[in-house]
């Protein structure tokens, strides 16, 4: 019994000793923290590198700073004061850019599998390096330097530009416009640079790639602007190529390095704008009753997307924006010549001339369509091919005028088939209300004449213009008035009566002369 009591006493002493020692053990254990990436860019993988570590004081400050285990510097060796001063002076993001390539040993990854969280990190400074192999469209790489003296939440910054393509419509710029064939107008490509992280780039390349449909002819570059600075021809490279098989023209405008051009303004938000001249040609699709127009033109922007890259600017990694489109409309007026009523037989051989103001418009026949004449579009057209009057066709009575912008016109019947009355002049207004949408514009086109009911074209969201009702009108000729000519009477009686009157007049004249002699 005494032995048992002594044994129990020893156990109690040991237990009390352990209880006393536990707080001391807990105090000696260094706390750890976690990094969480909020709203990460989809599919990105970030590696975390311990750059510096040290002693964390009770007030949350790091002292006795030494190199961490990332491979940058000698692990555990004190960091020189001047390097810490450089870090403080230049900023953490600049340090991250300058030294990202020096980090070789990571402490773990932030990725979708772990919900972009990494735990168990000792107090210190950490580099978060974007290790994604191929960033997606409209995306870019990033690098962050963070101080971990508690749990850290990071939200990636948007540091990639956006592109907006617009087309000139009078004094306005929009996603949609309408123009005559051969009329010079402008497109604008606007790259919006957000600033912010872009200041970390030593060089920054931009390449505009613009694709024009076969119905658009590129003329020339009007201007390239970086912020408020107009670039000289030596500061950018422009090239246009038209594919022989499709007629599609690809225009590229490259600025090899925006940084020196922007100067002290680099790192602030600014626009880079390319403006060029173009016109619709004979291949332009025409909006009319037969179907939609698809003179759609797309552009994308290629841009530097890795702020940690410090090599030759020509080899900088790049990303692309999504394509942005603009639409150009031109209209075709379809007519049909009928006899006496809209349900009557067709009438061929009637000639029509279309006026805008006092000017008779000229047209050239292209695959059955009379396209508005322009010397730019038809430089080799002969005098015989340039037509002012369009004649209603044999068998159909149809005629057309194509390549027209919205506006006011006057249609005159300049040649009337024999035996029919000339139709009065018709004032025609083509009004296009072109509205923008997220992907494709809608178009509401109304054609009115002085004596024809309005007809409307309503657009759908799936294509630029769809389910058309028509920009068409029917021109009706009434038969000319004629005198009777049947049953042996008709005009013959007039010849008989005329002859009798002539003979009678001769007899009276002869009788009068004889009376005067006698």
Protein backbone atom coordinates (compact mmCIF):
# COMPACT_ATOMS: atom_id res chain seq x y z
CA UNK A 1 0.00 0.00 0.00
CA UNK A 2 2.78 2.43 0.82
CA UNK A 3 4.45 1.58 -2.51
CA UNK A 4 1.22 2.32 -4.34
CA UNK A 5 0.88 5.70 -2.63
CA UNK A 6 4.42 6.62 -3.57
CA UNK A 7 3.76 5.63 -7.20
CA UNK A 8 0.59 7.74 -7.31
CA UNK A 9 2.47 10.69 -5.91
CA UNK A 10 5.11 10.42 -8.63
CA UNK A 11 2.39 10.27 -11.33
CA UNK A 12 0.68 13.37 -9.89
CA UNK A 13 3.94 15.28 -9.86
CA UNK A 14 4.65 14.34 -13.48
CA UNK A 15 1.12 15.33 -14.51
CA UNK A 16 1.40 18.70 -12.80
CA UNK A 17 4.76 19.19 -14.48
CA UNK A 18 3.24 18.53 -17.90
CA UNK A 19 0.39 20.97 -17.23
CA UNK A 20 2.89 23.63 -16.31
CA UNK A 21 5.00 22.89 -19.39
CA UNK A 22 2.12 22.93 -21.96
CA UNK A 23 1.68 26.72 -22.02
CA UNK A 24 5.39 27.11 -22.50
CA UNK A 25 5.31 24.66 -25.44
CA UNK A 26 2.38 26.48 -27.00
CA UNK A 27 4.19 29.77 -26.70
CA UNK A 28 7.27 28.39 -28.44
CA UNK A 29 5.20 27.30 -31.54
CA UNK A 30 5.31 29.92 -34.32
CA UNK A 31 1.87 30.87 -35.72
CA UNK A 32 1.11 30.21 -39.41
CA UNK A 33 -1.14 32.03 -41.85
CA UNK A 34 -2.92 31.53 -45.15
CA UNK A 35 -3.20 33.37 -48.49
CA UNK A 36 -6.54 33.42 -50.34
CA UNK A 37 -6.91 34.58 -53.96
CA UNK A 38 -10.32 36.21 -54.42
CA UNK A 39 -11.99 36.17 -57.88
CA UNK A 40 -9.01 34.58 -59.64
CA UNK A 41 -8.82 34.62 -63.40
CA UNK A 42 -10.28 31.35 -64.60
CA UNK A 43 -7.78 28.56 -65.13
CA UNK A 44 -4.80 30.40 -63.67
CA UNK A 45 -2.23 28.69 -61.46
CA UNK A 46 -0.16 30.76 -59.01
CA UNK A 47 2.95 29.57 -57.20
CA UNK A 48 3.91 31.10 -53.85
CA UNK A 49 7.56 31.77 -52.99
CA UNK A 50 8.92 32.71 -49.55
CA UNK A 51 11.25 35.63 -50.32
CA UNK A 52 11.98 36.89 -46.76
CA UNK A 53 11.10 35.74 -43.29
CA UNK A 54 11.94 36.92 -39.77
CA UNK A 55 10.65 37.47 -36.26
CA UNK A 56 7.10 38.65 -35.87
CA UNK A 57 6.58 41.05 -32.96
CA UNK A 58 3.41 41.38 -30.94
CA UNK A 59 2.48 44.54 -32.83
CA UNK A 60 2.54 42.69 -36.19
CA UNK A 61 5.91 43.93 -37.45
CA UNK A 62 8.61 41.77 -39.00
CA UNK A 63 12.14 42.21 -37.63
CA UNK A 64 15.48 40.44 -38.04
CA UNK A 65 14.58 39.89 -41.71
CA UNK A 66 16.47 37.03 -43.44
CA UNK A 67 16.25 35.43 -46.88
CA UNK A 68 13.57 32.77 -47.18
CA UNK A 69 13.69 29.40 -48.91
CA UNK A 70 12.71 30.53 -52.44
CA UNK A 71 16.25 30.31 -53.83
CA UNK A 72 16.60 34.07 -53.96
CA UNK A 73 19.57 34.88 -51.69
CA UNK A 74 21.04 32.49 -49.12
CA UNK A 75 18.36 31.04 -46.87
CA UNK A 76 18.62 32.34 -43.30
CA UNK A 77 21.16 35.04 -44.14
CA UNK A 78 20.32 38.57 -43.04
CA UNK A 79 18.94 40.82 -45.78
CA UNK A 80 21.04 43.97 -46.28
CA UNK A 81 19.32 47.13 -45.16
CA UNK A 82 19.78 48.74 -48.60
CA UNK A 83 17.80 45.96 -50.27
CA UNK A 84 14.91 46.43 -47.87
CA UNK A 85 15.10 50.16 -48.55
CA UNK A 86 14.96 49.46 -52.30
CA UNK A 87 11.91 47.31 -51.75
CA UNK A 88 10.25 50.08 -49.75
CA UNK A 89 11.21 52.79 -52.23
CA UNK A 90 10.33 51.08 -55.52
CA UNK A 91 7.29 49.22 -54.28
CA UNK A 92 6.43 45.58 -53.90
CA UNK A 93 5.07 45.21 -57.45
CA UNK A 94 8.30 46.48 -59.01
CA UNK A 95 10.30 44.11 -56.81
CA UNK A 96 8.06 41.25 -57.91
CA UNK A 97 8.63 42.10 -61.58
CA UNK A 98 12.41 42.49 -61.19
CA UNK A 99 13.03 39.30 -59.20
CA UNK A 100 10.32 36.86 -60.28
CA UNK A 101 12.78 34.96 -62.49
CA UNK A 102 15.12 34.45 -59.50
CA UNK A 103 12.61 32.43 -57.50
CA UNK A 104 13.13 28.67 -57.96
CA UNK A 105 11.65 26.91 -54.87
CA UNK A 106 7.96 27.39 -54.14
CA UNK A 107 6.00 26.93 -50.93
CA UNK A 108 2.90 25.66 -52.70
CA UNK A 109 0.26 26.60 -55.30
CA UNK A 110 -2.93 28.60 -55.43
CA UNK A 111 -5.22 26.81 -57.88
CA UNK A 112 -8.78 25.69 -58.47
CA UNK A 113 -8.19 22.36 -56.70
CA UNK A 114 -7.53 24.05 -53.35
CA UNK A 115 -10.00 26.90 -53.95
CA UNK A 116 -7.06 29.26 -54.35
CA UNK A 117 -6.07 28.97 -50.68
CA UNK A 118 -2.65 28.13 -49.27
CA UNK A 119 -2.18 27.58 -45.52
CA UNK A 120 0.70 26.92 -43.15
CA UNK A 121 2.81 29.91 -44.17
CA UNK A 122 5.22 31.46 -41.69
CA UNK A 123 5.35 35.23 -41.30
CA UNK A 124 7.35 36.91 -44.04
CA UNK A 125 7.27 38.38 -47.54
CA UNK A 126 5.96 36.17 -50.34
CA UNK A 127 5.99 36.42 -54.12
CA UNK A 128 2.86 35.13 -55.89
CA UNK A 129 3.89 34.27 -59.43
CA UNK A 130 1.48 33.50 -62.28
CA UNK A 131 2.55 30.13 -63.74
CA UNK A 132 -0.34 29.64 -66.20
CA UNK A 133 0.97 28.04 -69.40
CA UNK A 134 -1.40 29.71 -71.85
CA UNK A 135 -3.56 32.61 -70.75
CA UNK A 136 -6.89 32.93 -72.52
CA UNK A 137 -8.37 35.63 -74.71
CA UNK A 138 -8.57 39.01 -73.01
CA UNK A 139 -6.26 37.83 -70.22
CA UNK A 140 -2.75 38.53 -68.91
CA UNK A 141 -0.12 37.27 -66.48
CA UNK A 142 0.47 38.87 -63.11
CA UNK A 143 2.92 38.88 -60.19
CA UNK A 144 2.34 40.03 -56.61
CA UNK A 145 4.56 40.70 -53.60
CA UNK A 146 2.67 40.48 -50.29
CA UNK A 147 3.57 40.78 -46.63
CA UNK A 148 2.18 37.91 -44.57
CA UNK A 149 1.82 38.84 -40.90
CA UNK A 150 -1.74 37.56 -40.76
CA UNK A 151 -4.20 35.93 -43.14
CA UNK A 152 -4.05 37.66 -46.55
CA UNK A 153 -6.75 38.09 -49.22
CA UNK A 154 -5.72 39.15 -52.72
CA UNK A 155 -7.91 40.21 -55.68
CA UNK A 156 -6.10 40.12 -59.06
CA UNK A 157 -6.02 43.47 -60.82
CA UNK A 158 -7.32 43.86 -64.35
CA UNK A 159 -4.32 45.10 -66.28
CA UNK A 160 -5.21 44.18 -69.84
CA UNK A 161 -6.55 46.64 -72.44
CA UNK A 162 -9.89 46.51 -74.25
CA UNK A 163 -10.70 47.22 -77.90
CA UNK A 164 -13.67 49.03 -79.42
CA UNK A 165 -14.25 49.20 -83.19
CA UNK A 166 -16.59 51.93 -84.45
CA UNK A 167 -17.62 53.33 -87.83
CA UNK A 168 -18.32 56.91 -88.86
CA UNK A 169 -21.96 57.83 -89.43
CA UNK A 170 -22.12 61.54 -90.19
CA UNK A 171 -20.61 63.30 -87.19
CA UNK A 172 -21.18 60.31 -84.92
CA UNK A 173 -19.22 57.12 -84.22
CA UNK A 174 -21.16 53.93 -83.62
CA UNK A 175 -21.19 50.17 -84.19
CA UNK A 176 -23.48 50.74 -87.20
CA UNK A 177 -23.67 53.19 -90.11
CA UNK A 178 -25.05 53.46 -93.64
CA UNK A 179 -23.18 54.76 -96.68
CA UNK A 180 -23.26 55.02 -100.48
CA UNK A 181 -21.09 52.68 -102.49
CA UNK A 182 -17.88 54.58 -103.26
CA UNK A 183 -18.34 57.11 -100.44
CA UNK A 184 -15.23 57.48 -98.27
CA UNK A 185 -15.86 57.07 -94.55
CA UNK A 186 -13.76 56.10 -91.53
CA UNK A 187 -13.33 53.28 -89.06
CA UNK A 188 -11.77 53.77 -85.62
CA UNK A 189 -9.99 51.15 -83.50
CA UNK A 190 -9.70 52.34 -79.89
CA UNK A 191 -7.49 50.45 -77.43
CA UNK A 192 -8.21 51.56 -73.87
CA UNK A 193 -5.14 51.05 -71.67
CA UNK A 194 -6.19 50.95 -67.99
CA UNK A 195 -2.89 52.06 -66.42
CA UNK A 196 -2.26 50.50 -62.99
CA UNK A 197 -0.15 47.37 -63.39
CA UNK A 198 0.82 48.41 -66.90
CA UNK A 199 3.39 50.70 -65.27
CA UNK A 200 5.39 47.54 -64.44
CA UNK A 201 6.10 46.81 -68.11
CA UNK A 202 9.54 47.82 -69.37
CA UNK A 203 8.15 47.65 -72.93
CA UNK A 204 4.60 47.26 -74.21
CA UNK A 205 3.62 46.08 -77.68
CA UNK A 206 0.26 46.65 -79.39
CA UNK A 207 -0.89 45.09 -82.67
CA UNK A 208 -4.28 45.98 -84.19
CA UNK A 209 -5.65 43.35 -86.59
CA UNK A 210 -8.67 44.50 -88.58
CA UNK A 211 -10.61 42.24 -90.95
CA UNK A 212 -12.75 43.90 -93.63
CA UNK A 213 -15.40 41.97 -95.52
CA UNK A 214 -15.19 41.69 -99.32
CA UNK A 215 -17.62 44.60 -99.67
CA UNK A 216 -15.18 47.02 -97.98
CA UNK A 217 -12.15 48.55 -99.70
CA UNK A 218 -9.32 49.86 -97.51
CA UNK A 219 -8.00 53.25 -98.63
CA UNK A 220 -5.33 54.49 -96.21
CA UNK A 221 -4.40 55.18 -92.58
CA UNK A 222 -5.64 58.58 -91.45
CA UNK A 223 -3.91 58.72 -88.04
CA UNK A 224 -2.44 56.72 -85.15
CA UNK A 225 -2.67 58.43 -81.75
CA UNK A 226 -1.15 57.46 -78.38
CA UNK A 227 -2.87 59.58 -75.78
CA UNK A 228 -2.69 63.05 -77.29
CA UNK A 229 0.38 62.29 -79.42
CA UNK A 230 0.01 61.76 -83.17
CA UNK A 231 2.53 59.19 -84.33
CA UNK A 232 4.75 59.60 -87.36
CA UNK A 233 4.91 56.88 -90.00
CA UNK A 234 8.23 55.74 -88.51
CA UNK A 235 6.65 55.03 -85.11
CA UNK A 236 4.28 52.30 -86.31
CA UNK A 237 4.06 49.65 -89.02
CA UNK A 238 0.95 49.23 -91.17
CA UNK A 239 0.23 46.53 -93.74
CA UNK A 240 -2.89 45.49 -95.65
CA UNK A 241 -3.43 42.29 -97.64
CA UNK A 242 -6.50 41.32 -99.69
CA UNK A 243 -7.11 37.61 -100.28
CA UNK A 244 -7.71 36.85 -103.95
CA UNK A 245 -10.15 34.00 -103.29
CA UNK A 246 -12.39 35.70 -100.71
CA UNK A 247 -11.79 39.42 -101.22
CA UNK A 248 -11.32 39.80 -97.44
CA UNK A 249 -8.80 42.48 -96.49
CA UNK A 250 -6.66 42.15 -93.35
CA UNK A 251 -5.09 45.33 -91.99
CA UNK A 252 -2.42 45.20 -89.27
CA UNK A 253 -1.07 48.21 -87.41
CA UNK A 254 1.78 47.50 -84.98
CA UNK A 255 3.34 49.76 -82.36
CA UNK A 256 6.46 47.88 -81.23
CA UNK A 257 6.77 49.75 -77.91
CA UNK A 258 4.26 52.21 -76.49
CA UNK A 259 6.30 52.99 -73.35
CA UNK A 260 8.80 55.51 -74.81
CA UNK A 261 6.07 57.16 -76.88
CA UNK A 262 3.86 57.68 -73.82
CA UNK A 263 6.83 58.95 -71.79
CA UNK A 264 5.97 60.17 -68.31
CA UNK A 265 2.29 59.43 -68.92
CA UNK A 266 2.99 55.69 -69.08
CA UNK A 267 1.16 53.90 -66.30
CA UNK A 268 -1.86 56.21 -66.44
CA UNK A 269 -5.05 55.33 -68.29
CA UNK A 270 -4.90 56.35 -71.95
CA UNK A 271 -6.33 55.50 -75.36
CA UNK A 272 -4.42 54.37 -78.43
CA UNK A 273 -6.55 55.10 -81.53
CA UNK A 274 -6.12 54.00 -85.14
CA UNK A 275 -8.32 55.81 -87.70
CA UNK A 276 -8.44 54.69 -91.33
CA UNK A 277 -10.39 55.51 -94.50
CA UNK A 278 -12.42 52.99 -96.48
CA UNK A 279 -15.39 52.73 -98.83
CA UNK A 280 -18.03 50.22 -99.90
CA UNK A 281 -17.40 48.53 -103.25
CA UNK A 282 -19.45 46.60 -105.82
CA UNK A 283 -19.29 43.43 -103.65
CA UNK A 284 -21.10 45.07 -100.74
CA UNK A 285 -24.24 43.24 -99.69
CA UNK A 286 -27.38 45.30 -100.13
CA UNK A 287 -30.24 45.63 -97.67
CA UNK A 288 -33.48 44.97 -99.53
CA UNK A 289 -36.47 42.64 -99.60
CA UNK A 290 -34.37 39.57 -100.45
CA UNK A 291 -32.26 39.24 -97.32
CA UNK A 292 -29.90 40.74 -94.76
CA UNK A 293 -26.76 42.75 -95.18
CA UNK A 294 -23.62 41.38 -93.60
CA UNK A 295 -20.99 44.05 -94.26
CA UNK A 296 -19.58 43.14 -90.86
CA UNK A 297 -16.02 44.07 -90.01
CA UNK A 298 -14.15 42.70 -86.99
CA UNK A 299 -11.00 43.73 -85.16
CA UNK A 300 -8.89 42.39 -82.30
CA UNK A 301 -5.97 43.71 -80.29
CA UNK A 302 -2.76 41.80 -79.49
CA UNK A 303 -0.94 43.18 -76.43
CA UNK A 304 1.99 42.44 -74.11
CA UNK A 305 0.66 40.36 -71.23
CA UNK A 306 3.58 39.45 -68.92
CA UNK A 307 4.86 42.24 -66.65
CA UNK A 308 7.76 40.06 -65.48
CA UNK A 309 9.25 39.79 -68.98
CA UNK A 310 12.47 41.81 -69.33
CA UNK A 311 13.90 40.49 -72.63
CA UNK A 312 13.86 41.80 -76.19
CA UNK A 313 10.58 43.67 -76.85
CA UNK A 314 10.21 41.77 -80.12
CA UNK A 315 9.84 38.51 -78.18
CA UNK A 316 7.45 39.70 -75.49
CA UNK A 317 4.63 37.27 -74.58
CA UNK A 318 1.27 38.50 -75.86
CA UNK A 319 -2.45 37.98 -75.45
CA UNK A 320 -5.49 38.88 -77.56
CA UNK A 321 -8.76 40.65 -76.90
CA UNK A 322 -12.05 39.23 -78.13
CA UNK A 323 -13.13 40.43 -81.57
CA UNK A 324 -15.26 43.57 -81.76
CA UNK A 325 -17.42 44.27 -84.83
CA UNK A 326 -18.91 47.17 -86.73
CA UNK A 327 -21.61 46.97 -89.44
CA UNK A 328 -22.06 49.09 -92.57
CA UNK A 329 -25.39 49.18 -94.40
CA UNK A 330 -26.18 50.19 -97.97
CA UNK A 331 -29.61 49.87 -99.58
CA UNK A 332 -31.16 48.54 -102.78
CA UNK A 333 -34.42 49.98 -104.12
CA UNK A 334 -36.40 47.36 -106.08
CA UNK A 335 -39.12 48.39 -108.52
CA UNK A 336 -41.62 46.57 -110.74
CA UNK A 337 -43.46 48.10 -113.70
CA UNK A 338 -47.13 47.07 -114.00
CA UNK A 339 -50.04 47.94 -116.30
CA UNK A 340 -53.13 49.72 -114.87
CA UNK A 341 -52.93 48.20 -111.34
CA UNK A 342 -50.62 46.46 -108.89
CA UNK A 343 -52.18 43.17 -110.00
CA UNK A 344 -51.82 43.97 -113.68
CA UNK A 345 -49.44 42.53 -116.24
CA UNK A 346 -45.79 43.54 -116.17
CA UNK A 347 -44.57 46.24 -118.54
CA UNK A 348 -41.07 46.16 -120.02
CA UNK A 349 -39.20 49.00 -121.68
CA UNK A 350 -40.03 51.79 -119.20
CA UNK A 351 -36.94 53.85 -118.31
CA UNK A 352 -36.35 55.33 -114.85
CA UNK A 353 -33.86 57.89 -113.57
CA UNK A 354 -33.12 58.39 -109.87
CA UNK A 355 -32.26 61.85 -108.63
CA UNK A 356 -30.77 63.11 -105.41
CA UNK A 357 -31.45 66.80 -105.34
CA UNK A 358 -30.87 68.04 -108.90
CA UNK A 359 -28.30 65.34 -109.68
CA UNK A 360 -29.23 62.34 -111.80
CA UNK A 361 -27.42 59.38 -110.25
CA UNK A 362 -25.40 57.00 -112.41
CA UNK A 363 -25.19 53.23 -112.14
CA UNK A 364 -23.18 50.27 -113.45
CA UNK A 365 -24.68 46.82 -114.02
CA UNK A 366 -23.05 44.13 -111.83
CA UNK A 367 -24.55 40.63 -111.89
CA UNK A 368 -28.07 41.90 -112.51
CA UNK A 369 -27.82 44.71 -109.95
CA UNK A 370 -27.39 48.36 -110.90
CA UNK A 371 -24.76 49.62 -108.44
CA UNK A 372 -24.19 53.32 -107.82
CA UNK A 373 -21.33 54.52 -110.00
CA UNK A 374 -18.13 55.79 -108.45
CA UNK A 375 -14.83 56.23 -110.24
CA UNK A 376 -13.08 54.69 -107.21
CA UNK A 377 -15.17 51.54 -107.52
CA UNK A 378 -15.42 51.38 -111.35
CA UNK A 379 -12.24 53.02 -112.69
CA UNK A 380 -12.41 51.09 -115.99
CA UNK A 381 -16.12 51.58 -116.74
CA UNK A 382 -16.84 52.87 -120.27
CA UNK A 383 -19.38 55.59 -121.14
CA UNK A 384 -21.71 52.88 -122.43
CA UNK A 385 -21.52 51.02 -119.11
CA UNK A 386 -22.28 54.06 -116.97
CA UNK A 387 -26.08 54.35 -117.01
CA UNK A 388 -28.33 57.16 -115.88
CA UNK A 389 -31.53 55.45 -117.00
CA UNK A 390 -32.51 51.97 -115.84
CA UNK A 391 -35.07 50.17 -118.02
CA UNK A 392 -37.68 47.70 -116.74
CA UNK A 393 -36.63 44.22 -117.83
CA UNK A 394 -38.28 41.97 -120.39
CA UNK A 395 -40.30 39.19 -118.81
CA UNK A 396 -40.28 40.64 -115.29
CA UNK A 397 -40.80 44.39 -115.56
CA UNK A 398 -38.25 44.78 -112.78
CA UNK A 399 -35.62 47.47 -112.26
CA UNK A 400 -33.41 48.39 -109.32
CA UNK A 401 -31.03 50.98 -107.88
CA UNK A 402 -28.40 49.70 -105.42
CA UNK A 403 -25.61 51.03 -103.22
CA UNK A 404 -27.65 53.86 -101.70
CA UNK A 405 -27.31 55.47 -98.30
CA UNK A 406 -30.40 56.52 -96.39
CA UNK A 407 -31.77 59.81 -97.69
CA UNK A 408 -34.25 61.57 -99.98
CA UNK A 409 -34.53 60.66 -103.66
CA UNK A 410 -36.82 61.46 -106.60
CA UNK A 411 -37.74 58.73 -109.11
CA UNK A 412 -38.67 59.93 -112.60
CA UNK A 413 -40.03 57.90 -115.48
CA UNK A 414 -37.71 59.21 -118.18
CA UNK A 415 -38.88 56.86 -120.98
CA UNK A 416 -42.52 55.77 -121.31
CA UNK A 417 -43.51 52.84 -123.56
CA UNK A 418 -45.66 53.87 -126.51
CA UNK A 419 -49.34 53.85 -125.78
CA UNK A 420 -49.01 54.52 -122.03
CA UNK A 421 -49.15 57.64 -119.90
CA UNK A 422 -46.01 58.76 -118.05
CA UNK A 423 -46.09 58.08 -114.31
CA UNK A 424 -45.77 61.18 -112.07
CA UNK A 425 -42.45 61.73 -110.27
CA UNK A 426 -42.16 59.95 -106.95
CA UNK A 427 -40.36 61.35 -103.92
CA UNK A 428 -38.73 58.48 -102.02
CA UNK A 429 -37.24 58.64 -98.51
CA UNK A 430 -35.13 55.79 -97.16
CA UNK A 431 -34.84 56.23 -93.41
CA UNK A 432 -32.52 53.91 -91.46
CA UNK A 433 -32.75 53.78 -87.68
CA UNK A 434 -29.70 51.70 -86.81
CA UNK A 435 -29.57 50.65 -83.16
CA UNK A 436 -26.67 48.98 -81.35
CA UNK A 437 -26.89 45.67 -79.51
CA UNK A 438 -24.44 43.55 -77.55
CA UNK A 439 -23.38 41.48 -80.55
CA UNK A 440 -25.31 42.53 -83.64
CA UNK A 441 -27.22 45.74 -84.37
CA UNK A 442 -30.88 45.96 -85.27
CA UNK A 443 -32.08 47.96 -88.26
CA UNK A 444 -35.47 49.56 -88.85
CA UNK A 445 -35.67 50.88 -92.41
CA UNK A 446 -38.68 52.72 -93.77
CA UNK A 447 -39.19 53.60 -97.45
CA UNK A 448 -41.95 56.07 -98.29
CA UNK A 449 -43.16 57.65 -101.53
CA UNK A 450 -45.65 60.37 -102.30
CA UNK A 451 -48.34 57.91 -103.36
CA UNK A 452 -47.22 54.53 -102.05
CA UNK A 453 -47.84 53.30 -98.52
CA UNK A 454 -44.82 53.08 -96.18
CA UNK A 455 -43.10 49.75 -96.03
CA UNK A 456 -40.93 48.74 -93.07
CA UNK A 457 -37.97 46.44 -92.53
CA UNK A 458 -37.63 45.13 -88.99
CA UNK A 459 -34.33 43.69 -87.78
CA UNK A 460 -33.75 40.65 -85.58
CA UNK A 461 -31.01 40.06 -83.00
CA UNK A 462 -29.59 36.97 -84.68
CA UNK A 463 -28.25 38.66 -87.81
CA UNK A 464 -27.74 42.32 -88.80
CA UNK A 465 -31.09 42.45 -90.67
CA UNK A 466 -33.48 39.56 -91.10
CA UNK A 467 -37.09 38.82 -92.10
CA UNK A 468 -37.30 41.78 -94.42
CA UNK A 469 -40.62 43.05 -95.75
CA UNK A 470 -39.04 45.03 -98.54
CA UNK A 471 -37.70 48.30 -99.88
CA UNK A 472 -39.77 47.77 -103.00
CA UNK A 473 -42.43 49.66 -104.89
CA UNK A 474 -44.66 49.05 -107.88
CA UNK A 475 -44.90 51.69 -110.61
CA UNK A 476 -48.20 51.59 -112.50
CA UNK A 477 -48.73 52.93 -116.05
CA UNK A 478 -52.20 53.67 -117.38
CA UNK A 479 -52.94 53.00 -121.05
CA UNK A 480 -53.14 56.20 -123.18
CA UNK A 481 -56.62 57.40 -124.36
CA UNK A 482 -57.45 56.38 -128.03
CA UNK A 483 -60.28 57.29 -130.43
CA UNK A 484 -62.64 54.58 -131.76
CA UNK A 485 -61.38 52.75 -134.89
CA UNK A 486 -63.73 49.75 -135.29
CA UNK A 487 -66.92 49.03 -137.38
CA UNK A 488 -65.87 51.00 -140.53
CA UNK A 489 -66.46 54.34 -138.83
CA UNK A 490 -63.77 55.32 -136.35
CA UNK A 491 -61.26 57.77 -137.74
CA UNK A 492 -62.36 57.11 -141.37
CA UNK A 493 -65.35 59.39 -140.99
CA UNK A 494 -63.06 62.29 -140.20
CA UNK A 495 -61.16 61.75 -143.46
CA UNK A 496 -64.48 61.59 -145.43
CA UNK A 497 -65.90 64.74 -143.85
CA UNK A 498 -62.60 66.52 -144.38
CA UNK A 499 -62.59 65.57 -148.06
CA UNK A 500 -66.17 66.80 -148.54
CA UNK A 501 -65.32 70.11 -146.93
CA UNK A 502 -62.28 70.56 -149.15
CA UNK A 503 -64.31 69.79 -152.33
CA UNK A 504 -67.13 72.09 -151.19
CA UNK A 505 -64.72 74.94 -150.57
CA UNK A 506 -63.29 74.50 -154.09
CA UNK A 507 -66.76 74.58 -155.69
CA UNK A 508 -67.71 77.74 -153.83
CA UNK A 509 -64.46 79.45 -154.82
CA UNK A 510 -65.00 78.54 -158.52
CA UNK A 511 -68.63 79.80 -158.49
CA UNK A 512 -67.65 83.05 -156.83
CA UNK A 513 -65.01 83.79 -159.50
CA UNK A 514 -67.50 83.25 -162.38
CA UNK A 515 -70.04 85.54 -160.77
CA UNK A 516 -67.46 88.26 -160.41
CA UNK A 517 -66.57 88.06 -164.16
CA UNK A 518 -70.15 88.35 -165.19
